[in-house]
């Protein structure tokens, strides 16, 4: 009797161990998802540029194509003393396209009329503001060739482009600056590119021209272009 009881317990123990062994060998583990550690640099995605970095080598080709798709020709300068509305000439297409391009990229916003000469001109577009300088660096450093043979004269109220700081026979012009004549200045004809005219706001031009300046023609009190916008 004892032998039968021993045999029964032995067979029961072996059977349990066999089931446990099968259970362990057939168990399938779940796959683990390994999370990749990403650095801060990996998470930064450089924004895609909407236009190439402009240089004197590619600027003219760029604006030749740009002006085909951007036909706006009426803009407004919102200044410290009021609005100046300007119509841009279609014939001077490179300068018109450049002006529209800079306005759309907010380059003139926050700049100043930094040179005021009585009964002569008010010159704008310059600034030492960091945000303005950053915008310029993002666009590029380039010059525009003159376009002085379209028959436009420096009558009172035209907008024109000053010569660049670089001495050259072709008077390549700074794309970021411009001036508005406060009176007829025909001695500038053929030297600087007239690319538009004031159609509303000459009283504002006169007010700016009457402001007190220092010995370098910089207004004693800053005169801002708060915003430049496209009207049409």
C-alpha atoms as a PDB file:
ATOM      1  CA  UNK A   1       0.000   0.000   0.000  1.00  0.00           C
ATOM      2  CA  UNK A   2       2.814   2.323   0.853  1.00  0.00           C
ATOM      3  CA  UNK A   3       4.531   1.472  -2.415  1.00  0.00           C
ATOM      4  CA  UNK A   4       1.408   2.326  -4.413  1.00  0.00           C
ATOM      5  CA  UNK A   5       1.009   5.632  -2.599  1.00  0.00           C
ATOM      6  CA  UNK A   6       4.655   6.515  -3.255  1.00  0.00           C
ATOM      7  CA  UNK A   7       4.313   5.662  -6.949  1.00  0.00           C
ATOM      8  CA  UNK A   8       1.187   7.803  -7.243  1.00  0.00           C
ATOM      9  CA  UNK A   9       2.871  10.852  -5.681  1.00  0.00           C
ATOM     10  CA  UNK A  10       5.940  10.414  -7.889  1.00  0.00           C
ATOM     11  CA  UNK A  11       3.873  10.323 -11.100  1.00  0.00           C
ATOM     12  CA  UNK A  12       1.884  13.370  -9.986  1.00  0.00           C
ATOM     13  CA  UNK A  13       5.042  15.362  -9.311  1.00  0.00           C
ATOM     14  CA  UNK A  14       6.584  14.462 -12.693  1.00  0.00           C
ATOM     15  CA  UNK A  15       3.399  15.432 -14.521  1.00  0.00           C
ATOM     16  CA  UNK A  16       3.287  18.873 -12.851  1.00  0.00           C
ATOM     17  CA  UNK A  17       6.925  19.591 -13.640  1.00  0.00           C
ATOM     18  CA  UNK A  18       6.375  18.634 -17.271  1.00  0.00           C
ATOM     19  CA  UNK A  19       3.427  21.008 -17.638  1.00  0.00           C
ATOM     20  CA  UNK A  20       5.392  23.836 -16.014  1.00  0.00           C
ATOM     21  CA  UNK A  21       8.336  23.220 -18.332  1.00  0.00           C
ATOM     22  CA  UNK A  22       6.112  23.281 -21.450  1.00  0.00           C
ATOM     23  CA  UNK A  23       4.457  26.458 -20.284  1.00  0.00           C
ATOM     24  CA  UNK A  24       7.821  28.156 -19.871  1.00  0.00           C
ATOM     25  CA  UNK A  25       9.200  27.046 -23.228  1.00  0.00           C
ATOM     26  CA  UNK A  26       6.145  28.130 -25.237  1.00  0.00           C
ATOM     27  CA  UNK A  27       5.843  31.606 -23.715  1.00  0.00           C
ATOM     28  CA  UNK A  28       6.522  34.375 -26.312  1.00  0.00           C
ATOM     29  CA  UNK A  29       7.888  37.680 -25.025  1.00  0.00           C
ATOM     30  CA  UNK A  30       6.488  40.990 -26.297  1.00  0.00           C
ATOM     31  CA  UNK A  31       8.783  43.063 -28.561  1.00  0.00           C
ATOM     32  CA  UNK A  32      10.242  46.100 -26.871  1.00  0.00           C
ATOM     33  CA  UNK A  33      10.162  49.518 -28.515  1.00  0.00           C
ATOM     34  CA  UNK A  34      13.503  51.175 -27.970  1.00  0.00           C
ATOM     35  CA  UNK A  35      13.115  54.945 -27.727  1.00  0.00           C
ATOM     36  CA  UNK A  36      15.932  56.745 -29.450  1.00  0.00           C
ATOM     37  CA  UNK A  37      17.407  59.569 -27.461  1.00  0.00           C
ATOM     38  CA  UNK A  38      17.376  62.752 -29.559  1.00  0.00           C
ATOM     39  CA  UNK A  39      19.564  65.718 -28.928  1.00  0.00           C
ATOM     40  CA  UNK A  40      18.327  69.291 -29.054  1.00  0.00           C
ATOM     41  CA  UNK A  41      20.242  69.778 -32.292  1.00  0.00           C
ATOM     42  CA  UNK A  42      18.409  66.845 -33.916  1.00  0.00           C
ATOM     43  CA  UNK A  43      15.027  68.388 -33.088  1.00  0.00           C
ATOM     44  CA  UNK A  44      15.840  71.685 -34.778  1.00  0.00           C
ATOM     45  CA  UNK A  45      14.731  71.767 -38.422  1.00  0.00           C
ATOM     46  CA  UNK A  46      16.169  74.538 -40.530  1.00  0.00           C
ATOM     47  CA  UNK A  47      13.357  76.502 -42.220  1.00  0.00           C
ATOM     48  CA  UNK A  48      13.293  76.255 -45.981  1.00  0.00           C
ATOM     49  CA  UNK A  49      14.263  79.511 -47.665  1.00  0.00           C
ATOM     50  CA  UNK A  50      11.602  81.092 -49.847  1.00  0.00           C
ATOM     51  CA  UNK A  51      14.229  82.844 -51.954  1.00  0.00           C
ATOM     52  CA  UNK A  52      17.971  82.472 -52.543  1.00  0.00           C
ATOM     53  CA  UNK A  53      20.509  84.521 -50.629  1.00  0.00           C
ATOM     54  CA  UNK A  54      20.871  87.490 -52.946  1.00  0.00           C
ATOM     55  CA  UNK A  55      24.205  88.670 -54.286  1.00  0.00           C
ATOM     56  CA  UNK A  56      25.195  91.056 -57.035  1.00  0.00           C
ATOM     57  CA  UNK A  57      25.652  87.987 -59.263  1.00  0.00           C
ATOM     58  CA  UNK A  58      22.101  86.651 -58.964  1.00  0.00           C
ATOM     59  CA  UNK A  59      19.970  89.648 -57.915  1.00  0.00           C
ATOM     60  CA  UNK A  60      19.104  90.927 -61.383  1.00  0.00           C
ATOM     61  CA  UNK A  61      18.009  87.478 -62.603  1.00  0.00           C
ATOM     62  CA  UNK A  62      16.005  87.002 -59.414  1.00  0.00           C
ATOM     63  CA  UNK A  63      14.127  90.297 -59.793  1.00  0.00           C
ATOM     64  CA  UNK A  64      13.579  89.724 -63.506  1.00  0.00           C
ATOM     65  CA  UNK A  65      11.611  86.601 -62.583  1.00  0.00           C
ATOM     66  CA  UNK A  66      10.083  88.122 -59.431  1.00  0.00           C
ATOM     67  CA  UNK A  67       8.520  91.058 -61.262  1.00  0.00           C
ATOM     68  CA  UNK A  68       6.634  88.707 -63.590  1.00  0.00           C
ATOM     69  CA  UNK A  69       4.621  87.383 -60.650  1.00  0.00           C
ATOM     70  CA  UNK A  70       4.412  90.492 -58.463  1.00  0.00           C
ATOM     71  CA  UNK A  71       2.777  93.320 -60.380  1.00  0.00           C
ATOM     72  CA  UNK A  72       1.855  95.568 -57.446  1.00  0.00           C
ATOM     73  CA  UNK A  73       2.767  99.192 -58.049  1.00  0.00           C
ATOM     74  CA  UNK A  74       1.221 101.307 -55.275  1.00  0.00           C
ATOM     75  CA  UNK A  75       2.670 101.379 -51.758  1.00  0.00           C
ATOM     76  CA  UNK A  76       2.309 103.356 -48.540  1.00  0.00           C
ATOM     77  CA  UNK A  77       4.958 104.496 -46.089  1.00  0.00           C
ATOM     78  CA  UNK A  78       3.444 104.984 -42.649  1.00  0.00           C
ATOM     79  CA  UNK A  79       5.732 107.550 -41.008  1.00  0.00           C
ATOM     80  CA  UNK A  80       5.994 109.467 -37.767  1.00  0.00           C
ATOM     81  CA  UNK A  81       4.243 112.421 -39.437  1.00  0.00           C
ATOM     82  CA  UNK A  82       1.687 110.578 -41.567  1.00  0.00           C
ATOM     83  CA  UNK A  83       1.302 108.509 -44.705  1.00  0.00           C
ATOM     84  CA  UNK A  84       3.169 108.848 -47.989  1.00  0.00           C
ATOM     85  CA  UNK A  85       1.580 106.979 -50.916  1.00  0.00           C
ATOM     86  CA  UNK A  86       3.836 106.142 -53.850  1.00  0.00           C
ATOM     87  CA  UNK A  87       3.172 104.829 -57.331  1.00  0.00           C
ATOM     88  CA  UNK A  88       6.020 102.739 -58.762  1.00  0.00           C
ATOM     89  CA  UNK A  89       6.837 102.890 -62.463  1.00  0.00           C
ATOM     90  CA  UNK A  90       6.438  99.739 -64.530  1.00  0.00           C
ATOM     91  CA  UNK A  91       9.290 100.695 -66.865  1.00  0.00           C
ATOM     92  CA  UNK A  92      11.881 100.532 -64.080  1.00  0.00           C
ATOM     93  CA  UNK A  93      10.970  96.920 -63.399  1.00  0.00           C
ATOM     94  CA  UNK A  94      14.057  95.853 -61.451  1.00  0.00           C
ATOM     95  CA  UNK A  95      13.757  98.719 -58.977  1.00  0.00           C
ATOM     96  CA  UNK A  96       9.986  98.326 -58.699  1.00  0.00           C
ATOM     97  CA  UNK A  97      10.368  94.592 -58.049  1.00  0.00           C
ATOM     98  CA  UNK A  98      13.115  95.208 -55.506  1.00  0.00           C
ATOM     99  CA  UNK A  99      10.988  97.755 -53.610  1.00  0.00           C
ATOM    100  CA  UNK A 100       7.945  95.447 -53.569  1.00  0.00           C
ATOM    101  CA  UNK A 101      10.107  92.522 -52.469  1.00  0.00           C
ATOM    102  CA  UNK A 102      11.623  94.471 -49.575  1.00  0.00           C
ATOM    103  CA  UNK A 103       8.226  95.750 -48.444  1.00  0.00           C
ATOM    104  CA  UNK A 104       6.769  92.237 -48.468  1.00  0.00           C
ATOM    105  CA  UNK A 105       9.691  91.080 -46.350  1.00  0.00           C
ATOM    106  CA  UNK A 106       9.131  93.950 -43.862  1.00  0.00           C
ATOM    107  CA  UNK A 107      12.638  95.329 -44.401  1.00  0.00           C
ATOM    108  CA  UNK A 108      11.589  98.997 -44.207  1.00  0.00           C
ATOM    109  CA  UNK A 109       9.487  98.570 -41.054  1.00  0.00           C
ATOM    110  CA  UNK A 110      11.216 100.333 -38.177  1.00  0.00           C
ATOM    111  CA  UNK A 111      13.760 102.132 -40.364  1.00  0.00           C
ATOM    112  CA  UNK A 112      14.248 105.893 -40.394  1.00  0.00           C
ATOM    113  CA  UNK A 113      14.536 108.903 -42.631  1.00  0.00           C
ATOM    114  CA  UNK A 114      18.175 109.265 -41.722  1.00  0.00           C
ATOM    115  CA  UNK A 115      19.175 112.083 -44.071  1.00  0.00           C
ATOM    116  CA  UNK A 116      17.171 115.267 -44.488  1.00  0.00           C
ATOM    117  CA  UNK A 117      18.506 118.150 -46.589  1.00  0.00           C
ATOM    118  CA  UNK A 118      16.382 121.309 -46.671  1.00  0.00           C
ATOM    119  CA  UNK A 119      14.697 122.027 -50.000  1.00  0.00           C
ATOM    120  CA  UNK A 120      16.441 119.010 -51.486  1.00  0.00           C
ATOM    121  CA  UNK A 121      15.574 115.459 -50.362  1.00  0.00           C
ATOM    122  CA  UNK A 122      14.503 113.179 -47.564  1.00  0.00           C
ATOM    123  CA  UNK A 123      16.389 109.888 -47.598  1.00  0.00           C
ATOM    124  CA  UNK A 124      15.096 106.733 -45.910  1.00  0.00           C
ATOM    125  CA  UNK A 125      15.540 103.029 -45.403  1.00  0.00           C
ATOM    126  CA  UNK A 126      18.548 103.013 -43.087  1.00  0.00           C
ATOM    127  CA  UNK A 127      18.707 101.891 -39.478  1.00  0.00           C
ATOM    128  CA  UNK A 128      21.096 100.475 -36.889  1.00  0.00           C
ATOM    129  CA  UNK A 129      18.272  98.449 -35.326  1.00  0.00           C
ATOM    130  CA  UNK A 130      19.309  94.810 -34.833  1.00  0.00           C
ATOM    131  CA  UNK A 131      16.078  93.386 -36.235  1.00  0.00           C
ATOM    132  CA  UNK A 132      16.468  95.435 -39.413  1.00  0.00           C
ATOM    133  CA  UNK A 133      20.094  94.371 -39.821  1.00  0.00           C
ATOM    134  CA  UNK A 134      19.068  90.738 -39.294  1.00  0.00           C
ATOM    135  CA  UNK A 135      16.465  91.027 -42.065  1.00  0.00           C
ATOM    136  CA  UNK A 136      19.084  92.482 -44.393  1.00  0.00           C
ATOM    137  CA  UNK A 137      21.538  89.680 -43.664  1.00  0.00           C
ATOM    138  CA  UNK A 138      18.812  87.128 -44.369  1.00  0.00           C
ATOM    139  CA  UNK A 139      18.125  88.694 -47.769  1.00  0.00           C
ATOM    140  CA  UNK A 140      21.722  89.238 -48.809  1.00  0.00           C
ATOM    141  CA  UNK A 141      24.189  91.844 -49.928  1.00  0.00           C
ATOM    142  CA  UNK A 142      23.691  92.993 -53.486  1.00  0.00           C
ATOM    143  CA  UNK A 143      23.594  96.035 -55.759  1.00  0.00           C
ATOM    144  CA  UNK A 144      21.264  97.079 -58.554  1.00  0.00           C
ATOM    145  CA  UNK A 145      22.375  98.412 -61.901  1.00  0.00           C
ATOM    146  CA  UNK A 146      21.107 101.890 -62.808  1.00  0.00           C
ATOM    147  CA  UNK A 147      18.108 102.360 -65.061  1.00  0.00           C
ATOM    148  CA  UNK A 148      18.305 106.042 -65.937  1.00  0.00           C
ATOM    149  CA  UNK A 149      17.207 106.162 -69.581  1.00  0.00           C
ATOM    150  CA  UNK A 150      13.450 105.790 -69.184  1.00  0.00           C
ATOM    151  CA  UNK A 151      12.737 109.501 -69.552  1.00  0.00           C
ATOM    152  CA  UNK A 152      11.914 110.102 -65.883  1.00  0.00           C
ATOM    153  CA  UNK A 153      13.229 113.314 -64.377  1.00  0.00           C
ATOM    154  CA  UNK A 154      13.846 114.306 -60.794  1.00  0.00           C
ATOM    155  CA  UNK A 155      10.745 116.442 -60.427  1.00  0.00           C
ATOM    156  CA  UNK A 156       9.484 117.354 -56.982  1.00  0.00           C
ATOM    157  CA  UNK A 157       8.029 114.283 -55.302  1.00  0.00           C
ATOM    158  CA  UNK A 158       9.765 111.453 -57.163  1.00  0.00           C
ATOM    159  CA  UNK A 159      11.351 108.489 -55.433  1.00  0.00           C
ATOM    160  CA  UNK A 160      14.849 107.606 -56.564  1.00  0.00           C
ATOM    161  CA  UNK A 161      17.841 105.470 -55.592  1.00  0.00           C
ATOM    162  CA  UNK A 162      21.072 106.896 -54.180  1.00  0.00           C
ATOM    163  CA  UNK A 163      24.473 105.734 -55.345  1.00  0.00           C
ATOM    164  CA  UNK A 164      26.119 103.063 -53.248  1.00  0.00           C
ATOM    165  CA  UNK A 165      29.110 103.698 -51.000  1.00  0.00           C
ATOM    166  CA  UNK A 166      31.231 101.808 -53.519  1.00  0.00           C
ATOM    167  CA  UNK A 167      32.827 104.010 -56.119  1.00  0.00           C
ATOM    168  CA  UNK A 168      32.097 102.654 -59.591  1.00  0.00           C
ATOM    169  CA  UNK A 169      31.503 103.964 -63.037  1.00  0.00           C
ATOM    170  CA  UNK A 170      27.957 102.565 -63.226  1.00  0.00           C
ATOM    171  CA  UNK A 171      26.733 104.009 -59.923  1.00  0.00           C
ATOM    172  CA  UNK A 172      25.340 100.734 -58.669  1.00  0.00           C
ATOM    173  CA  UNK A 173      22.702 101.576 -56.095  1.00  0.00           C
ATOM    174  CA  UNK A 174      22.033 100.370 -52.579  1.00  0.00           C
ATOM    175  CA  UNK A 175      18.806  98.330 -52.703  1.00  0.00           C
ATOM    176  CA  UNK A 176      17.868  99.165 -49.110  1.00  0.00           C
ATOM    177  CA  UNK A 177      17.780 102.963 -49.359  1.00  0.00           C
ATOM    178  CA  UNK A 178      15.844 105.538 -51.337  1.00  0.00           C
ATOM    179  CA  UNK A 179      15.188 109.243 -51.402  1.00  0.00           C
ATOM    180  CA  UNK A 180      12.226 111.480 -52.212  1.00  0.00           C
ATOM    181  CA  UNK A 181      12.853 114.864 -53.783  1.00  0.00           C
ATOM    182  CA  UNK A 182      11.334 117.821 -51.964  1.00  0.00           C
ATOM    183  CA  UNK A 183      11.868 120.108 -54.985  1.00  0.00           C
ATOM    184  CA  UNK A 184      12.932 119.784 -58.623  1.00  0.00           C
ATOM    185  CA  UNK A 185      16.479 118.386 -58.795  1.00  0.00           C
ATOM    186  CA  UNK A 186      17.244 117.937 -62.460  1.00  0.00           C
ATOM    187  CA  UNK A 187      20.998 117.824 -61.917  1.00  0.00           C
ATOM    188  CA  UNK A 188      20.437 114.272 -60.626  1.00  0.00           C
ATOM    189  CA  UNK A 189      18.978 113.102 -63.954  1.00  0.00           C
ATOM    190  CA  UNK A 190      21.067 110.395 -65.568  1.00  0.00           C
ATOM    191  CA  UNK A 191      22.911 109.718 -62.316  1.00  0.00           C
ATOM    192  CA  UNK A 192      20.234 108.141 -60.143  1.00  0.00           C
ATOM    193  CA  UNK A 193      17.272 105.935 -61.012  1.00  0.00           C
ATOM    194  CA  UNK A 194      13.805 107.472 -60.656  1.00  0.00           C
ATOM    195  CA  UNK A 195      11.406 104.531 -60.121  1.00  0.00           C
ATOM    196  CA  UNK A 196       8.221 106.138 -58.793  1.00  0.00           C
ATOM    197  CA  UNK A 197       6.441 109.258 -57.569  1.00  0.00           C
ATOM    198  CA  UNK A 198       4.445 110.436 -54.570  1.00  0.00           C
ATOM    199  CA  UNK A 199       0.731 110.499 -55.409  1.00  0.00           C
ATOM    200  CA  UNK A 200      -0.489 111.449 -51.937  1.00  0.00           C
ATOM    201  CA  UNK A 201       1.297 112.802 -48.882  1.00  0.00           C
ATOM    202  CA  UNK A 202       3.646 115.469 -50.212  1.00  0.00           C
ATOM    203  CA  UNK A 203       2.619 117.555 -47.204  1.00  0.00           C
ATOM    204  CA  UNK A 204       4.175 114.810 -45.066  1.00  0.00           C
ATOM    205  CA  UNK A 205       7.356 114.961 -47.180  1.00  0.00           C
ATOM    206  CA  UNK A 206       7.466 118.731 -46.637  1.00  0.00           C
ATOM    207  CA  UNK A 207       6.987 118.312 -42.891  1.00  0.00           C
ATOM    208  CA  UNK A 208       9.820 115.800 -42.690  1.00  0.00           C
ATOM    209  CA  UNK A 209      12.044 118.044 -44.804  1.00  0.00           C
ATOM    210  CA  UNK A 210      11.447 120.931 -42.398  1.00  0.00           C
ATOM    211  CA  UNK A 211      12.710 119.037 -39.323  1.00  0.00           C
ATOM    212  CA  UNK A 212      15.826 120.135 -37.487  1.00  0.00           C
ATOM    213  CA  UNK A 213      18.981 118.143 -38.292  1.00  0.00           C
ATOM    214  CA  UNK A 214      22.529 117.833 -36.999  1.00  0.00           C
ATOM    215  CA  UNK A 215      25.698 118.585 -38.971  1.00  0.00           C
ATOM    216  CA  UNK A 216      25.441 115.203 -40.693  1.00  0.00           C
ATOM    217  CA  UNK A 217      21.877 115.879 -41.957  1.00  0.00           C
ATOM    218  CA  UNK A 218      20.475 113.301 -39.511  1.00  0.00           C
ATOM    219  CA  UNK A 219      17.239 114.547 -37.895  1.00  0.00           C
ATOM    220  CA  UNK A 220      17.696 115.577 -34.261  1.00  0.00           C
ATOM    221  CA  UNK A 221      14.538 113.645 -33.430  1.00  0.00           C
ATOM    222  CA  UNK A 222      14.204 110.255 -35.121  1.00  0.00           C
ATOM    223  CA  UNK A 223      11.664 110.065 -37.940  1.00  0.00           C
ATOM    224  CA  UNK A 224      10.469 106.512 -38.388  1.00  0.00           C
ATOM    225  CA  UNK A 225       8.949 104.519 -41.188  1.00  0.00           C
ATOM    226  CA  UNK A 226       6.657 102.607 -38.874  1.00  0.00           C
ATOM    227  CA  UNK A 227       5.428 100.342 -41.629  1.00  0.00           C
ATOM    228  CA  UNK A 228       5.574  99.982 -45.398  1.00  0.00           C
ATOM    229  CA  UNK A 229       2.566  98.297 -46.990  1.00  0.00           C
ATOM    230  CA  UNK A 230       1.288  97.302 -50.434  1.00  0.00           C
ATOM    231  CA  UNK A 231      -1.862  99.127 -51.523  1.00  0.00           C
ATOM    232  CA  UNK A 232      -2.311  97.749 -55.010  1.00  0.00           C
END
